[in-house]
Amino acid sequence: MCLKDQKRDKDAAKSLTRALAINPALGPAREELAGLDLAQGKTREGIEQLEAVAALEPSQPRRLVDVGLAYARAGDYDNAITTLGRAAQRYPETEAVYVALGRVWLTIGDTQKDRVAVSKALQALESAAGRPDATSDTLTLYGRALLLADRVDDSERVLQQASATLPVDPAAFYYLSSAAQRHGHVSAARDAMAKYKTLVGQDTTTP
């Protein structure tokens, strides 16, 4: 950990690997090594470490979620959905699993213009977004899915809620601007985009 703090990532990885050779059940060491591997572009190795952590901590749904999202970030959506589907079966009451599933389905729907994937995203996110303690991030994902499904009225309402929930996800303002513009609410669209750029920087055009 000291080596990592000193930005000596390669030396830190070697040290963590030696620690795991001595004690393979060191979950925190595997988690740190996974982060280093993924940061260095060693996707397969990083995911293998995350899978090992999930096996070591079977009572923690977040571990399988981490594996699924790592697959998604690597563009391996099939394994991402399979992993998160397994998590949903194992932890059916855990909202974080469905939010992660919704996130992956939404990415597929948005990038591949796949309306079936958008529908699956809505199904996964609806319950979590309807909770009184729903986060801005969750509401933003749901609002995006509604917008892609052409449910513009619902999208604008949910994104307004997302933009008023603290801590706010800056992307809420970006997608609220899109929803308002589609509704012809030009002033509201302009205000939302201005707030987005204030939060993330004037030169940023997309989340």
C-alpha atoms as a PDB file:
ATOM      1  CA  MET A   1       0.000   0.000   0.000  1.00  0.00           C
ATOM      2  CA  CYS A   2       2.894   2.356   0.747  1.00  0.00           C
ATOM      3  CA  LEU A   3       4.340   1.650  -2.694  1.00  0.00           C
ATOM      4  CA  LYS A   4       0.954   2.377  -4.273  1.00  0.00           C
ATOM      5  CA  ASP A   5       0.711   5.674  -2.379  1.00  0.00           C
ATOM      6  CA  GLN A   6       4.125   6.547  -3.808  1.00  0.00           C
ATOM      7  CA  LYS A   7       2.785   5.865  -7.339  1.00  0.00           C
ATOM      8  CA  ARG A   8       5.151   2.886  -7.683  1.00  0.00           C
ATOM      9  CA  ASP A   9       2.382   0.712  -9.106  1.00  0.00           C
ATOM     10  CA  LYS A  10       4.572  -2.011 -10.614  1.00  0.00           C
ATOM     11  CA  ASP A  11       6.460  -2.506  -7.357  1.00  0.00           C
ATOM     12  CA  ALA A  12       3.165  -2.452  -5.443  1.00  0.00           C
ATOM     13  CA  ALA A  13       1.735  -5.137  -7.744  1.00  0.00           C
ATOM     14  CA  LYS A  14       4.799  -7.330  -7.193  1.00  0.00           C
ATOM     15  CA  SER A  15       4.523  -6.935  -3.430  1.00  0.00           C
ATOM     16  CA  LEU A  16       0.807  -7.763  -3.434  1.00  0.00           C
ATOM     17  CA  THR A  17       1.435 -10.806  -5.636  1.00  0.00           C
ATOM     18  CA  ARG A  18       4.043 -12.066  -3.158  1.00  0.00           C
ATOM     19  CA  ALA A  19       1.605 -11.529  -0.279  1.00  0.00           C
ATOM     20  CA  LEU A  20      -1.042 -13.588  -2.084  1.00  0.00           C
ATOM     21  CA  ALA A  21       1.456 -16.351  -2.766  1.00  0.00           C
ATOM     22  CA  ILE A  22       1.896 -16.602   1.008  1.00  0.00           C
ATOM     23  CA  ASN A  23      -1.803 -16.249   1.838  1.00  0.00           C
ATOM     24  CA  PRO A  24      -4.234 -16.592  -1.115  1.00  0.00           C
ATOM     25  CA  ALA A  25      -7.175 -15.706   1.147  1.00  0.00           C
ATOM     26  CA  LEU A  26      -6.084 -12.096   1.627  1.00  0.00           C
ATOM     27  CA  GLY A  27      -9.153 -10.406   0.150  1.00  0.00           C
ATOM     28  CA  PRO A  28      -7.971  -6.804   0.579  1.00  0.00           C
ATOM     29  CA  ALA A  29      -4.699  -7.635  -1.199  1.00  0.00           C
ATOM     30  CA  ARG A  30      -6.610  -9.169  -4.115  1.00  0.00           C
ATOM     31  CA  GLU A  31      -8.871  -6.122  -4.299  1.00  0.00           C
ATOM     32  CA  GLU A  32      -5.913  -3.743  -4.409  1.00  0.00           C
ATOM     33  CA  LEU A  33      -4.147  -5.888  -7.007  1.00  0.00           C
ATOM     34  CA  ALA A  34      -7.320  -5.957  -9.103  1.00  0.00           C
ATOM     35  CA  GLY A  35      -7.416  -2.163  -9.078  1.00  0.00           C
ATOM     36  CA  LEU A  36      -3.789  -1.959 -10.160  1.00  0.00           C
ATOM     37  CA  ASP A  37      -4.251  -4.540 -12.916  1.00  0.00           C
ATOM     38  CA  LEU A  38      -7.328  -2.801 -14.306  1.00  0.00           C
ATOM     39  CA  ALA A  39      -5.620   0.605 -14.171  1.00  0.00           C
ATOM     40  CA  GLN A  40      -2.697  -0.831 -16.152  1.00  0.00           C
ATOM     41  CA  GLY A  41      -4.974  -2.307 -18.802  1.00  0.00           C
ATOM     42  CA  LYS A  42      -4.610  -5.874 -17.548  1.00  0.00           C
ATOM     43  CA  THR A  43      -8.339  -6.491 -17.793  1.00  0.00           C
ATOM     44  CA  ARG A  44      -8.346 -10.282 -17.635  1.00  0.00           C
ATOM     45  CA  GLU A  45      -6.012 -10.366 -14.645  1.00  0.00           C
ATOM     46  CA  GLY A  46      -7.965  -7.681 -12.830  1.00  0.00           C
ATOM     47  CA  ILE A  47     -11.292  -9.431 -13.340  1.00  0.00           C
ATOM     48  CA  GLU A  48      -9.789 -12.724 -12.178  1.00  0.00           C
ATOM     49  CA  GLN A  49      -8.757 -11.040  -8.942  1.00  0.00           C
ATOM     50  CA  LEU A  50     -12.241  -9.544  -8.487  1.00  0.00           C
ATOM     51  CA  GLU A  51     -13.805 -12.949  -9.084  1.00  0.00           C
ATOM     52  CA  ALA A  52     -11.504 -14.420  -6.441  1.00  0.00           C
ATOM     53  CA  VAL A  53     -12.571 -11.719  -3.975  1.00  0.00           C
ATOM     54  CA  ALA A  54     -16.243 -12.507  -4.729  1.00  0.00           C
ATOM     55  CA  ALA A  55     -15.543 -16.196  -4.025  1.00  0.00           C
ATOM     56  CA  LEU A  56     -13.841 -15.297  -0.736  1.00  0.00           C
ATOM     57  CA  GLU A  57     -16.764 -13.098   0.358  1.00  0.00           C
ATOM     58  CA  PRO A  58     -19.924 -14.902  -0.835  1.00  0.00           C
ATOM     59  CA  SER A  59     -22.145 -12.921   1.553  1.00  0.00           C
ATOM     60  CA  GLN A  60     -21.224  -9.606  -0.082  1.00  0.00           C
ATOM     61  CA  PRO A  61     -23.327  -8.884  -3.203  1.00  0.00           C
ATOM     62  CA  ARG A  62     -21.179  -5.852  -3.985  1.00  0.00           C
ATOM     63  CA  ARG A  63     -18.324  -8.170  -4.928  1.00  0.00           C
ATOM     64  CA  LEU A  64     -20.244  -9.775  -7.803  1.00  0.00           C
ATOM     65  CA  VAL A  65     -21.468  -6.338  -8.841  1.00  0.00           C
ATOM     66  CA  ASP A  66     -17.833  -5.208  -9.084  1.00  0.00           C
ATOM     67  CA  VAL A  67     -17.078  -8.183 -11.341  1.00  0.00           C
ATOM     68  CA  GLY A  68     -20.049  -7.484 -13.589  1.00  0.00           C
ATOM     69  CA  LEU A  69     -19.250  -3.802 -13.956  1.00  0.00           C
ATOM     70  CA  ALA A  70     -15.597  -4.597 -14.685  1.00  0.00           C
ATOM     71  CA  TYR A  71     -16.727  -6.829 -17.549  1.00  0.00           C
ATOM     72  CA  ALA A  72     -18.979  -4.017 -18.791  1.00  0.00           C
ATOM     73  CA  ARG A  73     -16.178  -1.453 -18.707  1.00  0.00           C
ATOM     74  CA  ALA A  74     -14.112  -3.883 -20.780  1.00  0.00           C
ATOM     75  CA  GLY A  75     -16.944  -4.064 -23.343  1.00  0.00           C
ATOM     76  CA  ASP A  76     -17.747  -7.691 -22.514  1.00  0.00           C
ATOM     77  CA  TYR A  77     -21.470  -7.183 -22.067  1.00  0.00           C
ATOM     78  CA  ASP A  78     -22.388 -10.860 -22.311  1.00  0.00           C
ATOM     79  CA  ASN A  79     -20.277 -11.760 -19.274  1.00  0.00           C
ATOM     80  CA  ALA A  80     -21.405  -8.598 -17.504  1.00  0.00           C
ATOM     81  CA  ILE A  81     -25.079  -9.519 -17.868  1.00  0.00           C
ATOM     82  CA  THR A  82     -24.407 -13.165 -16.959  1.00  0.00           C
ATOM     83  CA  THR A  83     -22.509 -12.185 -13.815  1.00  0.00           C
ATOM     84  CA  LEU A  84     -25.080  -9.629 -12.690  1.00  0.00           C
ATOM     85  CA  GLY A  85     -27.912 -12.041 -13.493  1.00  0.00           C
ATOM     86  CA  ARG A  86     -26.222 -14.559 -11.208  1.00  0.00           C
ATOM     87  CA  ALA A  87     -25.977 -11.865  -8.548  1.00  0.00           C
ATOM     88  CA  ALA A  88     -29.703 -11.108  -8.910  1.00  0.00           C
ATOM     89  CA  GLN A  89     -30.541 -14.772  -8.376  1.00  0.00           C
ATOM     90  CA  ARG A  90     -28.269 -15.024  -5.352  1.00  0.00           C
ATOM     91  CA  TYR A  91     -29.205 -11.666  -3.795  1.00  0.00           C
ATOM     92  CA  PRO A  92     -32.751 -10.928  -5.019  1.00  0.00           C
ATOM     93  CA  GLU A  93     -33.367  -8.226  -2.407  1.00  0.00           C
ATOM     94  CA  THR A  94     -30.228  -6.165  -3.122  1.00  0.00           C
ATOM     95  CA  GLU A  95     -31.032  -2.947  -4.992  1.00  0.00           C
ATOM     96  CA  ALA A  96     -27.400  -2.357  -6.010  1.00  0.00           C
ATOM     97  CA  VAL A  97     -27.500  -5.479  -8.173  1.00  0.00           C
ATOM     98  CA  TYR A  98     -30.478  -4.199 -10.166  1.00  0.00           C
ATOM     99  CA  VAL A  99     -28.987  -0.730 -10.503  1.00  0.00           C
ATOM    100  CA  ALA A 100     -25.842  -2.319 -11.953  1.00  0.00           C
ATOM    101  CA  LEU A 101     -27.935  -4.472 -14.307  1.00  0.00           C
ATOM    102  CA  GLY A 102     -29.852  -1.389 -15.387  1.00  0.00           C
ATOM    103  CA  ARG A 103     -26.623   0.484 -15.998  1.00  0.00           C
ATOM    104  CA  VAL A 104     -25.272  -2.253 -18.272  1.00  0.00           C
ATOM    105  CA  TRP A 105     -28.529  -2.733 -20.186  1.00  0.00           C
ATOM    106  CA  LEU A 106     -28.756   1.050 -20.608  1.00  0.00           C
ATOM    107  CA  THR A 107     -25.242   1.190 -22.038  1.00  0.00           C
ATOM    108  CA  ILE A 108     -26.134  -1.559 -24.502  1.00  0.00           C
ATOM    109  CA  GLY A 109     -29.391   0.142 -25.434  1.00  0.00           C
ATOM    110  CA  ASP A 110     -27.755   3.529 -25.902  1.00  0.00           C
ATOM    111  CA  THR A 111     -24.673   2.430 -27.849  1.00  0.00           C
ATOM    112  CA  GLN A 112     -26.359  -0.237 -29.962  1.00  0.00           C
ATOM    113  CA  LYS A 113     -29.749   1.503 -30.382  1.00  0.00           C
ATOM    114  CA  ASP A 114     -31.351  -1.624 -28.936  1.00  0.00           C
ATOM    115  CA  ARG A 115     -34.876  -0.976 -27.694  1.00  0.00           C
ATOM    116  CA  VAL A 116     -35.099  -4.408 -26.063  1.00  0.00           C
ATOM    117  CA  ALA A 117     -32.043  -3.558 -23.974  1.00  0.00           C
ATOM    118  CA  VAL A 118     -33.637  -0.214 -23.041  1.00  0.00           C
ATOM    119  CA  SER A 119     -36.758  -2.065 -21.913  1.00  0.00           C
ATOM    120  CA  LYS A 120     -34.640  -4.381 -19.766  1.00  0.00           C
ATOM    121  CA  ALA A 121     -32.887  -1.354 -18.279  1.00  0.00           C
ATOM    122  CA  LEU A 122     -36.238   0.145 -17.319  1.00  0.00           C
ATOM    123  CA  GLN A 123     -37.329  -3.113 -15.685  1.00  0.00           C
ATOM    124  CA  ALA A 124     -34.118  -3.340 -13.683  1.00  0.00           C
ATOM    125  CA  LEU A 125     -34.133   0.299 -12.550  1.00  0.00           C
ATOM    126  CA  GLU A 126     -37.815   0.952 -11.880  1.00  0.00           C
ATOM    127  CA  SER A 127     -37.940  -0.436  -8.354  1.00  0.00           C
ATOM    128  CA  ALA A 128     -34.699   1.187  -7.202  1.00  0.00           C
ATOM    129  CA  ALA A 129     -35.684   4.554  -8.698  1.00  0.00           C
ATOM    130  CA  GLY A 130     -39.054   4.405  -6.932  1.00  0.00           C
ATOM    131  CA  ARG A 131     -37.533   4.138  -3.463  1.00  0.00           C
ATOM    132  CA  PRO A 132     -37.712   7.261  -1.268  1.00  0.00           C
ATOM    133  CA  ASP A 133     -33.951   7.014  -0.700  1.00  0.00           C
ATOM    134  CA  ALA A 134     -33.079   6.627  -4.393  1.00  0.00           C
ATOM    135  CA  THR A 135     -29.778   8.318  -5.208  1.00  0.00           C
ATOM    136  CA  SER A 136     -29.253  10.951  -7.869  1.00  0.00           C
ATOM    137  CA  ASP A 137     -27.162   8.439  -9.817  1.00  0.00           C
ATOM    138  CA  THR A 138     -29.966   5.853  -9.836  1.00  0.00           C
ATOM    139  CA  LEU A 139     -32.591   8.441 -10.796  1.00  0.00           C
ATOM    140  CA  THR A 140     -30.349   9.728 -13.588  1.00  0.00           C
ATOM    141  CA  LEU A 141     -29.964   6.227 -15.019  1.00  0.00           C
ATOM    142  CA  TYR A 142     -33.724   5.708 -14.888  1.00  0.00           C
ATOM    143  CA  GLY A 143     -34.378   9.105 -16.455  1.00  0.00           C
ATOM    144  CA  ARG A 144     -31.960   8.301 -19.282  1.00  0.00           C
ATOM    145  CA  ALA A 145     -33.704   4.984 -19.896  1.00  0.00           C
ATOM    146  CA  LEU A 146     -37.097   6.711 -19.999  1.00  0.00           C
ATOM    147  CA  LEU A 147     -35.712   9.245 -22.485  1.00  0.00           C
ATOM    148  CA  LEU A 148     -34.382   6.474 -24.751  1.00  0.00           C
ATOM    149  CA  ALA A 149     -37.797   4.815 -24.533  1.00  0.00           C
ATOM    150  CA  ASP A 150     -39.358   8.089 -25.758  1.00  0.00           C
ATOM    151  CA  ARG A 151     -41.231   8.570 -22.482  1.00  0.00           C
ATOM    152  CA  VAL A 152     -40.191  12.204 -22.443  1.00  0.00           C
ATOM    153  CA  ASP A 153     -42.721  13.455 -19.858  1.00  0.00           C
ATOM    154  CA  ASP A 154     -41.684  10.807 -17.345  1.00  0.00           C
ATOM    155  CA  SER A 155     -38.018  11.324 -18.176  1.00  0.00           C
ATOM    156  CA  GLU A 156     -38.118  15.056 -17.526  1.00  0.00           C
ATOM    157  CA  ARG A 157     -39.913  14.540 -14.210  1.00  0.00           C
ATOM    158  CA  VAL A 158     -37.441  11.899 -12.997  1.00  0.00           C
ATOM    159  CA  LEU A 159     -34.419  13.908 -14.132  1.00  0.00           C
ATOM    160  CA  GLN A 160     -35.730  16.980 -12.311  1.00  0.00           C
ATOM    161  CA  GLN A 161     -35.868  14.812  -9.205  1.00  0.00           C
ATOM    162  CA  ALA A 162     -32.347  13.520  -9.901  1.00  0.00           C
ATOM    163  CA  SER A 163     -31.006  17.061 -10.253  1.00  0.00           C
ATOM    164  CA  ALA A 164     -32.552  18.029  -6.902  1.00  0.00           C
ATOM    165  CA  THR A 165     -31.197  15.012  -4.983  1.00  0.00           C
ATOM    166  CA  LEU A 166     -27.921  15.462  -3.107  1.00  0.00           C
ATOM    167  CA  PRO A 167     -25.213  14.579  -3.748  1.00  0.00           C
ATOM    168  CA  VAL A 168     -26.206  15.340  -7.320  1.00  0.00           C
ATOM    169  CA  ASP A 169     -24.934  13.401 -10.326  1.00  0.00           C
ATOM    170  CA  PRO A 170     -23.847  16.129 -12.786  1.00  0.00           C
ATOM    171  CA  ALA A 171     -25.104  13.976 -15.660  1.00  0.00           C
ATOM    172  CA  ALA A 172     -28.641  14.566 -14.364  1.00  0.00           C
ATOM    173  CA  PHE A 173     -28.476  18.122 -15.690  1.00  0.00           C
ATOM    174  CA  TYR A 174     -27.110  16.975 -19.063  1.00  0.00           C
ATOM    175  CA  TYR A 175     -29.966  14.542 -19.692  1.00  0.00           C
ATOM    176  CA  LEU A 176     -32.503  16.921 -18.169  1.00  0.00           C
ATOM    177  CA  SER A 177     -31.388  19.437 -20.791  1.00  0.00           C
ATOM    178  CA  SER A 178     -32.023  16.855 -23.520  1.00  0.00           C
ATOM    179  CA  ALA A 179     -35.460  15.967 -22.146  1.00  0.00           C
ATOM    180  CA  ALA A 180     -36.463  19.626 -21.779  1.00  0.00           C
ATOM    181  CA  GLN A 181     -35.275  20.402 -25.302  1.00  0.00           C
ATOM    182  CA  ARG A 182     -37.362  17.564 -26.741  1.00  0.00           C
ATOM    183  CA  HIS A 183     -40.324  19.033 -24.895  1.00  0.00           C
ATOM    184  CA  GLY A 184     -39.670  22.453 -26.376  1.00  0.00           C
ATOM    185  CA  HIS A 185     -38.707  23.886 -22.993  1.00  0.00           C
ATOM    186  CA  VAL A 186     -35.847  25.925 -24.429  1.00  0.00           C
ATOM    187  CA  SER A 187     -35.096  28.030 -21.358  1.00  0.00           C
ATOM    188  CA  ALA A 188     -35.127  25.019 -19.015  1.00  0.00           C
ATOM    189  CA  ALA A 189     -32.864  23.112 -21.400  1.00  0.00           C
ATOM    190  CA  ARG A 190     -30.397  25.997 -21.517  1.00  0.00           C
ATOM    191  CA  ASP A 191     -30.384  26.366 -17.713  1.00  0.00           C
ATOM    192  CA  ALA A 192     -29.811  22.645 -17.160  1.00  0.00           C
ATOM    193  CA  MET A 193     -26.909  22.553 -19.624  1.00  0.00           C
ATOM    194  CA  ALA A 194     -25.356  25.611 -17.979  1.00  0.00           C
ATOM    195  CA  LYS A 195     -25.508  23.873 -14.583  1.00  0.00           C
ATOM    196  CA  TYR A 196     -23.952  20.742 -16.082  1.00  0.00           C
ATOM    197  CA  LYS A 197     -21.047  22.690 -17.553  1.00  0.00           C
ATOM    198  CA  THR A 198     -20.562  24.586 -14.293  1.00  0.00           C
ATOM    199  CA  LEU A 199     -20.180  21.279 -12.452  1.00  0.00           C
ATOM    200  CA  VAL A 200     -17.947  19.460 -14.928  1.00  0.00           C
ATOM    201  CA  GLY A 201     -16.235  22.217 -16.909  1.00  0.00           C
ATOM    202  CA  GLN A 202     -17.207  24.409 -19.835  1.00  0.00           C
ATOM    203  CA  ASP A 203     -15.327  22.311 -22.382  1.00  0.00           C
ATOM    204  CA  THR A 204     -17.189  19.104 -21.530  1.00  0.00           C
ATOM    205  CA  THR A 205     -20.017  18.303 -23.930  1.00  0.00           C
ATOM    206  CA  THR A 206     -21.045  14.774 -22.872  1.00  0.00           C
ATOM    207  CA  PRO A 207     -21.039  12.848 -19.558  1.00  0.00           C
END
